[in-house]
Amino acid sequence: MGKSNLCRAATTEKKVLALTFDDGPDKQNIPLLLDILKSEGVRATFFVLGHQVKKYVETTKRVINEGHQLANHSWSHPDFLKLDNEKIVKRELLLTSKIIEKISGNYPLFMRPPYGNISRNIIF
């Protein structure tokens, strides 16, 4: 695996805001959130859990159809500091990326680790 880059901020010419949400999709809160985003004309990135995507396919499709981006937040939301790299990649990231791609047609470009827990020894 090649060297990864950790991005916590980006420099831009314009003032911009990246609106992101973690842990969905679900059947109750995400549809309400999507209604608000739609009414305000706002797009966001949803860092989703693979097992939730599998369970709530229609909600996931709505996220995509309304112009939002899907990104990887793991399959089951474990603490990456407690797993070895093989488990992180195979059980958490790859499975989630594949189901996102299957439903959306796009392989996710971004990943946010659960709890923000990442170390130099993980995947780098």
PDB file of N, CA and C in Angstrom:
ATOM      1  N   MET A   1       0.846  -1.172   0.000  1.00  0.00           N
ATOM      2  CA  MET A   1       0.000   0.000   0.000  1.00  0.00           C
ATOM      3  C   MET A   1       0.890   1.233   0.000  1.00  0.00           C
ATOM      4  N   GLY A   2       0.538   2.228  -0.815  1.00  0.00           N
ATOM      5  CA  GLY A   2       1.326   3.456  -0.905  1.00  0.00           C
ATOM      6  C   GLY A   2       1.136   4.331   0.308  1.00  0.00           C
ATOM      7  N   LYS A   3       1.940   5.381   0.368  1.00  0.00           N
ATOM      8  CA  LYS A   3       1.852   6.308   1.483  1.00  0.00           C
ATOM      9  C   LYS A   3       0.564   7.116   1.384  1.00  0.00           C
ATOM     10  N   SER A   4      -0.116   7.263   2.489  1.00  0.00           N
ATOM     11  CA  SER A   4      -1.354   8.030   2.538  1.00  0.00           C
ATOM     12  C   SER A   4      -1.078   9.426   3.054  1.00  0.00           C
ATOM     13  N   ASN A   5      -1.948  10.340   2.725  1.00  0.00           N
ATOM     14  CA  ASN A   5      -1.854  11.701   3.240  1.00  0.00           C
ATOM     15  C   ASN A   5      -3.053  11.980   4.123  1.00  0.00           C
ATOM     16  N   LEU A   6      -2.779  12.524   5.285  1.00  0.00           N
ATOM     17  CA  LEU A   6      -3.834  12.886   6.208  1.00  0.00           C
ATOM     18  C   LEU A   6      -4.166  14.351   5.984  1.00  0.00           C
ATOM     19  N   CYS A   7      -5.412  14.637   5.715  1.00  0.00           N
ATOM     20  CA  CYS A   7      -5.840  16.011   5.441  1.00  0.00           C
ATOM     21  C   CYS A   7      -6.783  16.468   6.538  1.00  0.00           C
ATOM     22  N   ARG A   8      -6.397  17.521   7.219  1.00  0.00           N
ATOM     23  CA  ARG A   8      -7.257  18.088   8.254  1.00  0.00           C
ATOM     24  C   ARG A   8      -7.800  19.452   7.850  1.00  0.00           C
ATOM     25  N   ALA A   9      -7.187  20.083   6.846  1.00  0.00           N
ATOM     26  CA  ALA A   9      -7.623  21.390   6.366  1.00  0.00           C
ATOM     27  C   ALA A   9      -7.065  21.598   4.969  1.00  0.00           C
ATOM     28  N   ALA A  10      -7.665  22.535   4.254  1.00  0.00           N
ATOM     29  CA  ALA A  10      -7.202  22.861   2.912  1.00  0.00           C
ATOM     30  C   ALA A  10      -7.225  24.368   2.728  1.00  0.00           C
ATOM     31  N   THR A  11      -6.251  24.881   1.997  1.00  0.00           N
ATOM     32  CA  THR A  11      -6.194  26.299   1.699  1.00  0.00           C
ATOM     33  C   THR A  11      -6.940  26.556   0.397  1.00  0.00           C
ATOM     34  N   THR A  12      -7.800  27.567   0.396  1.00  0.00           N
ATOM     35  CA  THR A  12      -8.566  27.903  -0.802  1.00  0.00           C
ATOM     36  C   THR A  12      -8.513  29.404  -1.042  1.00  0.00           C
ATOM     37  N   GLU A  13      -8.808  29.800  -2.265  1.00  0.00           N
ATOM     38  CA  GLU A  13      -8.896  31.219  -2.623  1.00  0.00           C
ATOM     39  C   GLU A  13     -10.170  31.843  -2.053  1.00  0.00           C
ATOM     40  N   LYS A  14     -11.232  31.052  -1.994  1.00  0.00           N
ATOM     41  CA  LYS A  14     -12.528  31.536  -1.532  1.00  0.00           C
ATOM     42  C   LYS A  14     -12.801  31.054  -0.110  1.00  0.00           C
ATOM     43  N   LYS A  15     -13.689  31.738   0.559  1.00  0.00           N
ATOM     44  CA  LYS A  15     -14.159  31.263   1.856  1.00  0.00           C
ATOM     45  C   LYS A  15     -15.174  30.160   1.599  1.00  0.00           C
ATOM     46  N   VAL A  16     -14.900  28.971   2.108  1.00  0.00           N
ATOM     47  CA  VAL A  16     -15.785  27.834   1.911  1.00  0.00           C
ATOM     48  C   VAL A  16     -15.971  27.094   3.222  1.00  0.00           C
ATOM     49  N   LEU A  17     -17.029  26.343   3.260  1.00  0.00           N
ATOM     50  CA  LEU A  17     -17.340  25.531   4.429  1.00  0.00           C
ATOM     51  C   LEU A  17     -17.689  24.136   3.940  1.00  0.00           C
ATOM     52  N   ALA A  18     -17.095  23.133   4.538  1.00  0.00           N
ATOM     53  CA  ALA A  18     -17.430  21.747   4.216  1.00  0.00           C
ATOM     54  C   ALA A  18     -18.352  21.224   5.306  1.00  0.00           C
ATOM     55  N   LEU A  19     -19.567  20.937   4.932  1.00  0.00           N
ATOM     56  CA  LEU A  19     -20.551  20.433   5.870  1.00  0.00           C
ATOM     57  C   LEU A  19     -20.547  18.911   5.797  1.00  0.00           C
ATOM     58  N   THR A  20     -20.275  18.253   6.929  1.00  0.00           N
ATOM     59  CA  THR A  20     -20.179  16.796   6.943  1.00  0.00           C
ATOM     60  C   THR A  20     -20.995  16.219   8.092  1.00  0.00           C
ATOM     61  N   PHE A  21     -21.445  14.979   7.869  1.00  0.00           N
ATOM     62  CA  PHE A  21     -22.211  14.255   8.881  1.00  0.00           C
ATOM     63  C   PHE A  21     -21.669  12.842   8.972  1.00  0.00           C
ATOM     64  N   ASP A  22     -21.653  12.278  10.163  1.00  0.00           N
ATOM     65  CA  ASP A  22     -21.132  10.933  10.395  1.00  0.00           C
ATOM     66  C   ASP A  22     -22.228   9.976  10.861  1.00  0.00           C
ATOM     67  N   ASP A  23     -21.973   8.690  10.620  1.00  0.00           N
ATOM     68  CA  ASP A  23     -22.662   7.555  11.236  1.00  0.00           C
ATOM     69  C   ASP A  23     -23.954   7.091  10.571  1.00  0.00           C
ATOM     70  N   GLY A  24     -24.467   7.754   9.610  1.00  0.00           N
ATOM     71  CA  GLY A  24     -25.696   7.318   8.956  1.00  0.00           C
ATOM     72  C   GLY A  24     -25.400   6.276   7.896  1.00  0.00           C
ATOM     73  N   PRO A  25     -26.350   6.028   7.053  1.00  0.00           N
ATOM     74  CA  PRO A  25     -27.697   6.588   7.066  1.00  0.00           C
ATOM     75  C   PRO A  25     -28.608   5.851   8.040  1.00  0.00           C
ATOM     76  N   ASP A  26     -29.748   6.455   8.264  1.00  0.00           N
ATOM     77  CA  ASP A  26     -30.779   5.796   9.066  1.00  0.00           C
ATOM     78  C   ASP A  26     -32.135   6.124   8.450  1.00  0.00           C
ATOM     79  N   LYS A  27     -33.180   5.669   9.067  1.00  0.00           N
ATOM     80  CA  LYS A  27     -34.528   5.840   8.518  1.00  0.00           C
ATOM     81  C   LYS A  27     -35.242   7.059   9.099  1.00  0.00           C
ATOM     82  N   GLN A  28     -34.755   7.579  10.210  1.00  0.00           N
ATOM     83  CA  GLN A  28     -35.462   8.649  10.891  1.00  0.00           C
ATOM     84  C   GLN A  28     -34.780  10.010  10.745  1.00  0.00           C
ATOM     85  N   ASN A  29     -33.533  10.145  11.184  1.00  0.00           N
ATOM     86  CA  ASN A  29     -32.866  11.441  11.226  1.00  0.00           C
ATOM     87  C   ASN A  29     -32.355  11.929   9.876  1.00  0.00           C
ATOM     88  N   ILE A  30     -31.786  11.038   9.087  1.00  0.00           N
ATOM     89  CA  ILE A  30     -31.207  11.455   7.809  1.00  0.00           C
ATOM     90  C   ILE A  30     -32.272  11.992   6.859  1.00  0.00           C
ATOM     91  N   PRO A  31     -33.448  11.361   6.729  1.00  0.00           N
ATOM     92  CA  PRO A  31     -34.467  11.973   5.870  1.00  0.00           C
ATOM     93  C   PRO A  31     -34.862  13.386   6.307  1.00  0.00           C
ATOM     94  N   LEU A  32     -34.961  13.613   7.611  1.00  0.00           N
ATOM     95  CA  LEU A  32     -35.274  14.959   8.107  1.00  0.00           C
ATOM     96  C   LEU A  32     -34.154  15.934   7.762  1.00  0.00           C
ATOM     97  N   LEU A  33     -32.933  15.502   7.944  1.00  0.00           N
ATOM     98  CA  LEU A  33     -31.770  16.326   7.608  1.00  0.00           C
ATOM     99  C   LEU A  33     -31.743  16.630   6.114  1.00  0.00           C
ATOM    100  N   LEU A  34     -32.025  15.624   5.292  1.00  0.00           N
ATOM    101  CA  LEU A  34     -32.053  15.830   3.844  1.00  0.00           C
ATOM    102  C   LEU A  34     -33.129  16.847   3.455  1.00  0.00           C
ATOM    103  N   ASP A  35     -34.270  16.815   4.127  1.00  0.00           N
ATOM    104  CA  ASP A  35     -35.320  17.800   3.858  1.00  0.00           C
ATOM    105  C   ASP A  35     -34.810  19.218   4.113  1.00  0.00           C
ATOM    106  N   ILE A  36     -34.113  19.404   5.221  1.00  0.00           N
ATOM    107  CA  ILE A  36     -33.572  20.726   5.568  1.00  0.00           C
ATOM    108  C   ILE A  36     -32.521  21.158   4.548  1.00  0.00           C
ATOM    109  N   LEU A  37     -31.593  20.268   4.233  1.00  0.00           N
ATOM    110  CA  LEU A  37     -30.544  20.608   3.267  1.00  0.00           C
ATOM    111  C   LEU A  37     -31.153  20.980   1.914  1.00  0.00           C
ATOM    112  N   LYS A  38     -32.163  20.230   1.496  1.00  0.00           N
ATOM    113  CA  LYS A  38     -32.822  20.498   0.215  1.00  0.00           C
ATOM    114  C   LYS A  38     -33.507  21.865   0.234  1.00  0.00           C
ATOM    115  N   SER A  39     -34.202  22.167   1.317  1.00  0.00           N
ATOM    116  CA  SER A  39     -34.919  23.446   1.405  1.00  0.00           C
ATOM    117  C   SER A  39     -33.966  24.639   1.403  1.00  0.00           C
ATOM    118  N   GLU A  40     -32.743  24.423   1.879  1.00  0.00           N
ATOM    119  CA  GLU A  40     -31.743  25.495   1.936  1.00  0.00           C
ATOM    120  C   GLU A  40     -30.794  25.492   0.736  1.00  0.00           C
ATOM    121  N   GLY A  41     -30.922  24.485  -0.124  1.00  0.00           N
ATOM    122  CA  GLY A  41     -30.037  24.393  -1.286  1.00  0.00           C
ATOM    123  C   GLY A  41     -28.588  24.117  -0.917  1.00  0.00           C
ATOM    124  N   VAL A  42     -28.398  23.308   0.105  1.00  0.00           N
ATOM    125  CA  VAL A  42     -27.060  23.019   0.638  1.00  0.00           C
ATOM    126  C   VAL A  42     -26.680  21.581   0.331  1.00  0.00           C
ATOM    127  N   ARG A  43     -25.428  21.379  -0.035  1.00  0.00           N
ATOM    128  CA  ARG A  43     -24.883  20.032  -0.269  1.00  0.00           C
ATOM    129  C   ARG A  43     -23.921  19.698   0.874  1.00  0.00           C
ATOM    130  N   ALA A  44     -23.825  18.406   1.177  1.00  0.00           N
ATOM    131  CA  ALA A  44     -22.966  17.957   2.275  1.00  0.00           C
ATOM    132  C   ALA A  44     -22.296  16.644   1.897  1.00  0.00           C
ATOM    133  N   THR A  45     -21.344  16.253   2.722  1.00  0.00           N
ATOM    134  CA  THR A  45     -20.702  14.949   2.604  1.00  0.00           C
ATOM    135  C   THR A  45     -21.144  14.110   3.791  1.00  0.00           C
ATOM    136  N   PHE A  46     -21.603  12.911   3.493  1.00  0.00           N
ATOM    137  CA  PHE A  46     -22.055  11.985   4.523  1.00  0.00           C
ATOM    138  C   PHE A  46     -21.016  10.878   4.672  1.00  0.00           C
ATOM    139  N   PHE A  47     -20.356  10.828   5.824  1.00  0.00           N
ATOM    140  CA  PHE A  47     -19.420   9.756   6.151  1.00  0.00           C
ATOM    141  C   PHE A  47     -20.255   8.629   6.744  1.00  0.00           C
ATOM    142  N   VAL A  48     -20.481   7.612   5.928  1.00  0.00           N
ATOM    143  CA  VAL A  48     -21.447   6.574   6.261  1.00  0.00           C
ATOM    144  C   VAL A  48     -20.797   5.290   6.787  1.00  0.00           C
ATOM    145  N   LEU A  49     -21.602   4.547   7.518  1.00  0.00           N
ATOM    146  CA  LEU A  49     -21.203   3.237   8.016  1.00  0.00           C
ATOM    147  C   LEU A  49     -21.720   2.179   7.052  1.00  0.00           C
ATOM    148  N   GLY A  50     -20.861   1.246   6.678  1.00  0.00           N
ATOM    149  CA  GLY A  50     -21.235   0.224   5.705  1.00  0.00           C
ATOM    150  C   GLY A  50     -22.449  -0.593   6.106  1.00  0.00           C
ATOM    151  N   HIS A  51     -22.522  -0.998   7.369  1.00  0.00           N
ATOM    152  CA  HIS A  51     -23.675  -1.813   7.777  1.00  0.00           C
ATOM    153  C   HIS A  51     -24.968  -1.010   7.730  1.00  0.00           C
ATOM    154  N   GLN A  52     -24.903   0.309   7.901  1.00  0.00           N
ATOM    155  CA  GLN A  52     -26.084   1.152   7.793  1.00  0.00           C
ATOM    156  C   GLN A  52     -26.487   1.354   6.325  1.00  0.00           C
ATOM    157  N   VAL A  53     -25.491   1.491   5.453  1.00  0.00           N
ATOM    158  CA  VAL A  53     -25.770   1.604   4.020  1.00  0.00           C
ATOM    159  C   VAL A  53     -26.496   0.352   3.543  1.00  0.00           C
ATOM    160  N   LYS A  54     -26.004  -0.800   3.965  1.00  0.00           N
ATOM    161  CA  LYS A  54     -26.620  -2.073   3.580  1.00  0.00           C
ATOM    162  C   LYS A  54     -28.065  -2.159   4.082  1.00  0.00           C
ATOM    163  N   LYS A  55     -28.317  -1.650   5.272  1.00  0.00           N
ATOM    164  CA  LYS A  55     -29.636  -1.725   5.888  1.00  0.00           C
ATOM    165  C   LYS A  55     -30.610  -0.682   5.313  1.00  0.00           C
ATOM    166  N   TYR A  56     -30.099   0.498   4.982  1.00  0.00           N
ATOM    167  CA  TYR A  56     -30.950   1.604   4.526  1.00  0.00           C
ATOM    168  C   TYR A  56     -30.570   2.040   3.112  1.00  0.00           C
ATOM    169  N   VAL A  57     -30.752   1.137   2.181  1.00  0.00           N
ATOM    170  CA  VAL A  57     -30.375   1.385   0.779  1.00  0.00           C
ATOM    171  C   VAL A  57     -31.167   2.552   0.202  1.00  0.00           C
ATOM    172  N   GLU A  58     -32.457   2.611   0.456  1.00  0.00           N
ATOM    173  CA  GLU A  58     -33.281   3.689  -0.126  1.00  0.00           C
ATOM    174  C   GLU A  58     -32.871   5.060   0.401  1.00  0.00           C
ATOM    175  N   THR A  59     -32.570   5.151   1.685  1.00  0.00           N
ATOM    176  CA  THR A  59     -32.104   6.417   2.248  1.00  0.00           C
ATOM    177  C   THR A  59     -30.764   6.789   1.633  1.00  0.00           C
ATOM    178  N   THR A  60     -29.892   5.798   1.466  1.00  0.00           N
ATOM    179  CA  THR A  60     -28.590   6.044   0.838  1.00  0.00           C
ATOM    180  C   THR A  60     -28.772   6.561  -0.583  1.00  0.00           C
ATOM    181  N   LYS A  61     -29.677   5.964  -1.323  1.00  0.00           N
ATOM    182  CA  LYS A  61     -29.948   6.420  -2.692  1.00  0.00           C
ATOM    183  C   LYS A  61     -30.489   7.844  -2.696  1.00  0.00           C
ATOM    184  N   ARG A  62     -31.280   8.189  -1.720  1.00  0.00           N
ATOM    185  CA  ARG A  62     -31.793   9.561  -1.644  1.00  0.00           C
ATOM    186  C   ARG A  62     -30.651  10.547  -1.417  1.00  0.00           C
ATOM    187  N   VAL A  63     -29.726  10.200  -0.547  1.00  0.00           N
ATOM    188  CA  VAL A  63     -28.553  11.059  -0.309  1.00  0.00           C
ATOM    189  C   VAL A  63     -27.856  11.336  -1.643  1.00  0.00           C
ATOM    190  N   ILE A  64     -27.621  10.299  -2.395  1.00  0.00           N
ATOM    191  CA  ILE A  64     -26.931  10.419  -3.689  1.00  0.00           C
ATOM    192  C   ILE A  64     -27.774  11.229  -4.674  1.00  0.00           C
ATOM    193  N   ASN A  65     -29.043  10.875  -4.802  1.00  0.00           N
ATOM    194  CA  ASN A  65     -29.918  11.525  -5.777  1.00  0.00           C
ATOM    195  C   ASN A  65     -30.116  13.011  -5.514  1.00  0.00           C
ATOM    196  N   GLU A  66     -29.936  13.433  -4.274  1.00  0.00           N
ATOM    197  CA  GLU A  66     -30.082  14.851  -3.940  1.00  0.00           C
ATOM    198  C   GLU A  66     -28.759  15.599  -4.020  1.00  0.00           C
ATOM    199  N   GLY A  67     -27.731  14.943  -4.580  1.00  0.00           N
ATOM    200  CA  GLY A  67     -26.483  15.638  -4.888  1.00  0.00           C
ATOM    201  C   GLY A  67     -25.433  15.673  -3.799  1.00  0.00           C
ATOM    202  N   HIS A  68     -25.603  14.872  -2.787  1.00  0.00           N
ATOM    203  CA  HIS A  68     -24.622  14.844  -1.703  1.00  0.00           C
ATOM    204  C   HIS A  68     -23.541  13.803  -1.997  1.00  0.00           C
ATOM    205  N   GLN A  69     -22.448  13.908  -1.302  1.00  0.00           N
ATOM    206  CA  GLN A  69     -21.327  12.989  -1.485  1.00  0.00           C
ATOM    207  C   GLN A  69     -21.319  11.952  -0.362  1.00  0.00           C
ATOM    208  N   LEU A  70     -20.980  10.707  -0.728  1.00  0.00           N
ATOM    209  CA  LEU A  70     -20.797   9.658   0.267  1.00  0.00           C
ATOM    210  C   LEU A  70     -19.309   9.429   0.490  1.00  0.00           C
ATOM    211  N   ALA A  71     -18.945   9.215   1.738  1.00  0.00           N
ATOM    212  CA  ALA A  71     -17.564   8.911   2.105  1.00  0.00           C
ATOM    213  C   ALA A  71     -17.582   7.795   3.147  1.00  0.00           C
ATOM    214  N   ASN A  72     -16.445   7.195   3.367  1.00  0.00           N
ATOM    215  CA  ASN A  72     -16.305   6.003   4.197  1.00  0.00           C
ATOM    216  C   ASN A  72     -16.055   6.373   5.666  1.00  0.00           C
ATOM    217  N   HIS A  73     -16.855   5.788   6.559  1.00  0.00           N
ATOM    218  CA  HIS A  73     -16.662   5.985   8.008  1.00  0.00           C
ATOM    219  C   HIS A  73     -16.511   4.636   8.717  1.00  0.00           C
ATOM    220  N   SER A  74     -16.201   3.592   7.958  1.00  0.00           N
ATOM    221  CA  SER A  74     -15.979   2.214   8.420  1.00  0.00           C
ATOM    222  C   SER A  74     -17.259   1.394   8.290  1.00  0.00           C
ATOM    223  N   TRP A  75     -17.136   0.112   8.505  1.00  0.00           N
ATOM    224  CA  TRP A  75     -18.294  -0.780   8.444  1.00  0.00           C
ATOM    225  C   TRP A  75     -19.097  -0.724   9.743  1.00  0.00           C
ATOM    226  N   SER A  76     -18.381  -0.827  10.880  1.00  0.00           N
ATOM    227  CA  SER A  76     -19.083  -1.007  12.153  1.00  0.00           C
ATOM    228  C   SER A  76     -18.679  -0.023  13.256  1.00  0.00           C
ATOM    229  N   HIS A  77     -17.928   1.017  12.911  1.00  0.00           N
ATOM    230  CA  HIS A  77     -17.531   2.079  13.846  1.00  0.00           C
ATOM    231  C   HIS A  77     -16.639   1.605  15.002  1.00  0.00           C
ATOM    232  N   PRO A  78     -15.605   0.793  14.719  1.00  0.00           N
ATOM    233  CA  PRO A  78     -14.697   0.388  15.799  1.00  0.00           C
ATOM    234  C   PRO A  78     -13.640   1.462  16.047  1.00  0.00           C
ATOM    235  N   ASP A  79     -12.934   1.321  17.127  1.00  0.00           N
ATOM    236  CA  ASP A  79     -11.782   2.178  17.404  1.00  0.00           C
ATOM    237  C   ASP A  79     -10.594   1.606  16.627  1.00  0.00           C
ATOM    238  N   PHE A  80     -10.125   2.311  15.601  1.00  0.00           N
ATOM    239  CA  PHE A  80      -9.023   1.818  14.775  1.00  0.00           C
ATOM    240  C   PHE A  80      -7.738   1.598  15.564  1.00  0.00           C
ATOM    241  N   LEU A  81      -7.588   2.271  16.679  1.00  0.00           N
ATOM    242  CA  LEU A  81      -6.382   2.089  17.488  1.00  0.00           C
ATOM    243  C   LEU A  81      -6.336   0.704  18.135  1.00  0.00           C
ATOM    244  N   LYS A  82      -7.469   0.008  18.147  1.00  0.00           N
ATOM    245  CA  LYS A  82      -7.542  -1.325  18.746  1.00  0.00           C
ATOM    246  C   LYS A  82      -7.521  -2.451  17.715  1.00  0.00           C
ATOM    247  N   LEU A  83      -7.361  -2.104  16.427  1.00  0.00           N
ATOM    248  CA  LEU A  83      -7.347  -3.103  15.358  1.00  0.00           C
ATOM    249  C   LEU A  83      -6.032  -3.051  14.600  1.00  0.00           C
ATOM    250  N   ASP A  84      -5.647  -4.201  14.021  1.00  0.00           N
ATOM    251  CA  ASP A  84      -4.467  -4.178  13.158  1.00  0.00           C
ATOM    252  C   ASP A  84      -4.883  -3.700  11.765  1.00  0.00           C
ATOM    253  N   ASN A  85      -3.889  -3.313  10.968  1.00  0.00           N
ATOM    254  CA  ASN A  85      -4.160  -2.744   9.646  1.00  0.00           C
ATOM    255  C   ASN A  85      -4.971  -3.665   8.753  1.00  0.00           C
ATOM    256  N   GLU A  86      -4.710  -4.965   8.816  1.00  0.00           N
ATOM    257  CA  GLU A  86      -5.432  -5.898   7.952  1.00  0.00           C
ATOM    258  C   GLU A  86      -6.929  -5.870   8.257  1.00  0.00           C
ATOM    259  N   LYS A  87      -7.279  -5.863   9.536  1.00  0.00           N
ATOM    260  CA  LYS A  87      -8.697  -5.807   9.914  1.00  0.00           C
ATOM    261  C   LYS A  87      -9.318  -4.475   9.523  1.00  0.00           C
ATOM    262  N   ILE A  88      -8.575  -3.399   9.695  1.00  0.00           N
ATOM    263  CA  ILE A  88      -9.092  -2.083   9.322  1.00  0.00           C
ATOM    264  C   ILE A  88      -9.405  -2.046   7.833  1.00  0.00           C
ATOM    265  N   VAL A  89      -8.444  -2.483   7.034  1.00  0.00           N
ATOM    266  CA  VAL A  89      -8.622  -2.404   5.582  1.00  0.00           C
ATOM    267  C   VAL A  89      -9.670  -3.388   5.089  1.00  0.00           C
ATOM    268  N   LYS A  90      -9.537  -4.665   5.440  1.00  0.00           N
ATOM    269  CA  LYS A  90     -10.426  -5.687   4.891  1.00  0.00           C
ATOM    270  C   LYS A  90     -11.829  -5.652   5.478  1.00  0.00           C
ATOM    271  N   ARG A  91     -11.941  -5.557   6.790  1.00  0.00           N
ATOM    272  CA  ARG A  91     -13.253  -5.666   7.439  1.00  0.00           C
ATOM    273  C   ARG A  91     -14.002  -4.340   7.521  1.00  0.00           C
ATOM    274  N   GLU A  92     -13.277  -3.256   7.593  1.00  0.00           N
ATOM    275  CA  GLU A  92     -13.941  -1.975   7.832  1.00  0.00           C
ATOM    276  C   GLU A  92     -13.986  -1.067   6.606  1.00  0.00           C
ATOM    277  N   LEU A  93     -12.857  -0.841   5.965  1.00  0.00           N
ATOM    278  CA  LEU A  93     -12.818   0.123   4.871  1.00  0.00           C
ATOM    279  C   LEU A  93     -13.207  -0.462   3.524  1.00  0.00           C
ATOM    280  N   LEU A  94     -12.637  -1.593   3.171  1.00  0.00           N
ATOM    281  CA  LEU A  94     -12.910  -2.164   1.859  1.00  0.00           C
ATOM    282  C   LEU A  94     -14.376  -2.558   1.700  1.00  0.00           C
ATOM    283  N   LEU A  95     -14.942  -3.204   2.697  1.00  0.00           N
ATOM    284  CA  LEU A  95     -16.356  -3.595   2.630  1.00  0.00           C
ATOM    285  C   LEU A  95     -17.267  -2.376   2.462  1.00  0.00           C
ATOM    286  N   THR A  96     -16.964  -1.334   3.211  1.00  0.00           N
ATOM    287  CA  THR A  96     -17.782  -0.124   3.135  1.00  0.00           C
ATOM    288  C   THR A  96     -17.630   0.556   1.783  1.00  0.00           C
ATOM    289  N   SER A  97     -16.407   0.681   1.311  1.00  0.00           N
ATOM    290  CA  SER A  97     -16.183   1.315   0.005  1.00  0.00           C
ATOM    291  C   SER A  97     -16.882   0.550  -1.105  1.00  0.00           C
ATOM    292  N   LYS A  98     -16.851  -0.774  -1.027  1.00  0.00           N
ATOM    293  CA  LYS A  98     -17.496  -1.585  -2.068  1.00  0.00           C
ATOM    294  C   LYS A  98     -19.012  -1.419  -2.072  1.00  0.00           C
ATOM    295  N   ILE A  99     -19.639  -1.359  -0.907  1.00  0.00           N
ATOM    296  CA  ILE A  99     -21.103  -1.204  -0.891  1.00  0.00           C
ATOM    297  C   ILE A  99     -21.492   0.208  -1.319  1.00  0.00           C
ATOM    298  N   ILE A 100     -20.683   1.198  -0.967  1.00  0.00           N
ATOM    299  CA  ILE A 100     -20.938   2.562  -1.445  1.00  0.00           C
ATOM    300  C   ILE A 100     -20.861   2.592  -2.967  1.00  0.00           C
ATOM    301  N   GLU A 101     -19.823   1.966  -3.511  1.00  0.00           N
ATOM    302  CA  GLU A 101     -19.657   1.939  -4.963  1.00  0.00           C
ATOM    303  C   GLU A 101     -20.799   1.183  -5.640  1.00  0.00           C
ATOM    304  N   LYS A 102     -21.222   0.079  -5.049  1.00  0.00           N
ATOM    305  CA  LYS A 102     -22.315  -0.715  -5.627  1.00  0.00           C
ATOM    306  C   LYS A 102     -23.603   0.100  -5.728  1.00  0.00           C
ATOM    307  N   ILE A 103     -23.893   0.872  -4.705  1.00  0.00           N
ATOM    308  CA  ILE A 103     -25.139   1.635  -4.682  1.00  0.00           C
ATOM    309  C   ILE A 103     -25.029   2.942  -5.462  1.00  0.00           C
ATOM    310  N   SER A 104     -23.880   3.607  -5.361  1.00  0.00           N
ATOM    311  CA  SER A 104     -23.745   4.937  -5.969  1.00  0.00           C
ATOM    312  C   SER A 104     -23.085   4.936  -7.341  1.00  0.00           C
ATOM    313  N   GLY A 105     -22.319   3.877  -7.626  1.00  0.00           N
ATOM    314  CA  GLY A 105     -21.556   3.858  -8.872  1.00  0.00           C
ATOM    315  C   GLY A 105     -20.218   4.565  -8.744  1.00  0.00           C
ATOM    316  N   ASN A 106     -19.932   5.106  -7.566  1.00  0.00           N
ATOM    317  CA  ASN A 106     -18.673   5.823  -7.331  1.00  0.00           C
ATOM    318  C   ASN A 106     -17.949   5.265  -6.111  1.00  0.00           C
ATOM    319  N   TYR A 107     -16.658   5.017  -6.285  1.00  0.00           N
ATOM    320  CA  TYR A 107     -15.833   4.574  -5.167  1.00  0.00           C
ATOM    321  C   TYR A 107     -15.541   5.810  -4.303  1.00  0.00           C
ATOM    322  N   PRO A 108     -15.744   5.735  -2.997  1.00  0.00           N
ATOM    323  CA  PRO A 108     -15.560   6.922  -2.157  1.00  0.00           C
ATOM    324  C   PRO A 108     -14.104   7.399  -2.138  1.00  0.00           C
ATOM    325  N   LEU A 109     -13.939   8.707  -2.172  1.00  0.00           N
ATOM    326  CA  LEU A 109     -12.610   9.313  -2.199  1.00  0.00           C
ATOM    327  C   LEU A 109     -12.070   9.627  -0.813  1.00  0.00           C
ATOM    328  N   PHE A 110     -12.957   9.706   0.164  1.00  0.00           N
ATOM    329  CA  PHE A 110     -12.547  10.129   1.499  1.00  0.00           C
ATOM    330  C   PHE A 110     -12.956   9.114   2.558  1.00  0.00           C
ATOM    331  N   MET A 111     -12.191   9.113   3.653  1.00  0.00           N
ATOM    332  CA  MET A 111     -12.464   8.264   4.800  1.00  0.00           C
ATOM    333  C   MET A 111     -12.226   9.085   6.059  1.00  0.00           C
ATOM    334  N   ARG A 112     -13.123   8.939   6.999  1.00  0.00           N
ATOM    335  CA  ARG A 112     -12.940   9.559   8.318  1.00  0.00           C
ATOM    336  C   ARG A 112     -12.959   8.430   9.335  1.00  0.00           C
ATOM    337  N   PRO A 113     -11.890   8.293  10.120  1.00  0.00           N
ATOM    338  CA  PRO A 113     -11.862   7.204  11.103  1.00  0.00           C
ATOM    339  C   PRO A 113     -12.848   7.452  12.247  1.00  0.00           C
ATOM    340  N   PRO A 114     -13.491   6.388  12.732  1.00  0.00           N
ATOM    341  CA  PRO A 114     -14.379   6.541  13.882  1.00  0.00           C
ATOM    342  C   PRO A 114     -13.640   7.170  15.064  1.00  0.00           C
ATOM    343  N   TYR A 115     -14.315   8.042  15.751  1.00  0.00           N
ATOM    344  CA  TYR A 115     -13.771   8.767  16.910  1.00  0.00           C
ATOM    345  C   TYR A 115     -12.590   9.656  16.541  1.00  0.00           C
ATOM    346  N   GLY A 116     -12.276   9.761  15.261  1.00  0.00           N
ATOM    347  CA  GLY A 116     -11.106  10.526  14.833  1.00  0.00           C
ATOM    348  C   GLY A 116      -9.801   9.840  15.191  1.00  0.00           C
ATOM    349  N   ASN A 117      -9.876   8.575  15.599  1.00  0.00           N
ATOM    350  CA  ASN A 117      -8.686   7.859  16.070  1.00  0.00           C
ATOM    351  C   ASN A 117      -7.876   7.288  14.909  1.00  0.00           C
ATOM    352  N   ILE A 118      -6.710   7.841  14.758  1.00  0.00           N
ATOM    353  CA  ILE A 118      -5.777   7.371  13.726  1.00  0.00           C
ATOM    354  C   ILE A 118      -4.384   7.627  14.276  1.00  0.00           C
ATOM    355  N   SER A 119      -3.465   6.783  13.885  1.00  0.00           N
ATOM    356  CA  SER A 119      -2.076   6.994  14.278  1.00  0.00           C
ATOM    357  C   SER A 119      -1.192   6.787  13.075  1.00  0.00           C
ATOM    358  N   ARG A 120       0.049   7.162  13.168  1.00  0.00           N
ATOM    359  CA  ARG A 120       1.003   7.010  12.071  1.00  0.00           C
ATOM    360  C   ARG A 120       1.181   5.544  11.696  1.00  0.00           C
ATOM    361  N   ASN A 121       0.921   4.636  12.612  1.00  0.00           N
ATOM    362  CA  ASN A 121       1.095   3.208  12.336  1.00  0.00           C
ATOM    363  C   ASN A 121      -0.086   2.589  11.590  1.00  0.00           C
ATOM    364  N   ILE A 122      -1.180   3.323  11.518  1.00  0.00           N
ATOM    365  CA  ILE A 122      -2.376   2.801  10.869  1.00  0.00           C
ATOM    366  C   ILE A 122      -2.352   3.214   9.401  1.00  0.00           C
ATOM    367  N   ILE A 123      -2.246   2.222   8.538  1.00  0.00           N
ATOM    368  CA  ILE A 123      -2.373   2.342   7.097  1.00  0.00           C
ATOM    369  C   ILE A 123      -1.279   3.164   6.430  1.00  0.00           C
ATOM    370  N   PHE A 124      -0.589   4.029   7.100  1.00  0.00           N
ATOM    371  CA  PHE A 124       0.418   4.887   6.461  1.00  0.00           C
ATOM    372  C   PHE A 124       1.628   4.102   6.029  1.00  0.00           C
TER     373      PHE A 124
END
